Protein backbone atom coordinates (compact mmCIF):
# COMPACT_ATOMS: atom_id res chain seq x y z
CA MET A 1 69.25 67.34 73.28
CA THR A 2 71.78 68.83 70.97
CA CYS A 3 71.52 71.28 67.96
CA VAL A 4 70.68 69.82 64.64
CA SER A 5 72.93 70.88 61.66
CA VAL A 6 71.20 71.95 58.70
CA GLU A 7 72.45 70.79 55.33
CA ASP A 8 74.16 73.28 53.02
CA PRO A 9 73.36 75.37 51.20
CA ARG A 10 71.16 76.63 53.93
CA SER A 11 69.31 79.04 51.77
CA ASP A 12 68.00 76.12 49.91
CA VAL A 13 66.68 74.64 53.15
CA ALA A 14 65.23 78.00 54.11
CA ARG A 15 63.24 78.19 50.78
CA ARG A 16 61.65 74.71 51.60
CA ARG A 17 60.59 75.27 55.13
CA PRO A 18 60.81 77.74 58.01
CA VAL A 19 64.26 77.99 59.79
CA PHE A 20 64.76 79.59 63.26
CA ALA A 21 67.67 80.49 65.16
CA LEU A 22 68.01 81.26 69.00
CA MET A 23 71.41 82.27 70.31
CA VAL A 24 72.63 83.96 73.36
CA HIS A 25 75.29 85.85 71.29
CA ASP A 26 73.46 86.69 67.86
CA GLU A 27 75.71 89.53 66.45
CA ASP A 28 77.27 87.19 63.85
CA LEU A 29 74.17 85.19 63.00
CA ALA A 30 73.99 86.54 59.41
CA ALA A 31 77.62 86.06 58.69
CA VAL A 32 77.69 82.47 60.13
CA THR A 33 74.48 81.23 58.40
CA GLY A 34 74.49 83.20 55.22
CA LEU A 35 70.83 83.85 55.78
CA THR A 36 69.03 87.22 56.84
CA PRO A 37 67.77 87.05 60.30
CA VAL A 38 64.30 88.72 61.20
CA PRO A 39 63.33 88.97 64.84
CA VAL A 40 59.96 87.17 65.63
CA GLY A 41 59.89 87.40 69.37
CA LYS A 42 61.79 87.10 72.62
CA ILE A 43 62.38 84.05 74.79
CA GLU A 44 63.88 83.59 78.09
CA VAL A 45 66.88 81.22 78.03
CA PRO A 46 69.29 79.86 80.45
CA TRP A 47 72.91 81.04 80.61
CA GLY A 48 75.17 78.93 82.83
CA GLN A 49 72.30 77.62 84.90
CA ARG A 50 69.60 75.29 84.71
CA TYR A 51 66.79 77.84 84.59
CA PRO A 52 65.91 80.62 82.20
CA GLN A 53 67.40 83.92 83.21
CA ILE A 54 68.05 86.21 80.13
CA ASN A 55 65.96 87.30 77.25
CA SER A 56 67.07 86.27 73.84
CA THR A 57 65.59 87.09 70.45
CA LEU A 58 64.17 84.25 68.35
CA TYR A 59 65.05 84.78 64.70
CA ARG A 60 63.41 83.41 61.62
CA LEU A 61 66.27 83.18 58.84
CA TYR A 62 65.40 83.91 55.26
CA PRO A 63 67.38 83.45 52.07
CA PRO A 64 68.67 87.05 51.04
CA ASP A 65 66.30 87.10 48.15
CA ARG A 66 63.21 86.26 50.19
CA VAL A 67 63.22 88.55 53.00
CA PRO A 68 59.78 90.02 53.64
């Protein structure tokens, strides 16, 4: 399974439905998406292996004007 790209502008998509992101390296998430990431939980993900081995943060992405 591959990642599905979201049409632009992403903020319009995030106004219509929930948008989530799960990345191993999430430092640039806001800059890359133009949305505001809000952590909602932790998920164990694989990193170079077939099995989960590191904890990563699951984010819900909000348009800048709709952050709770």
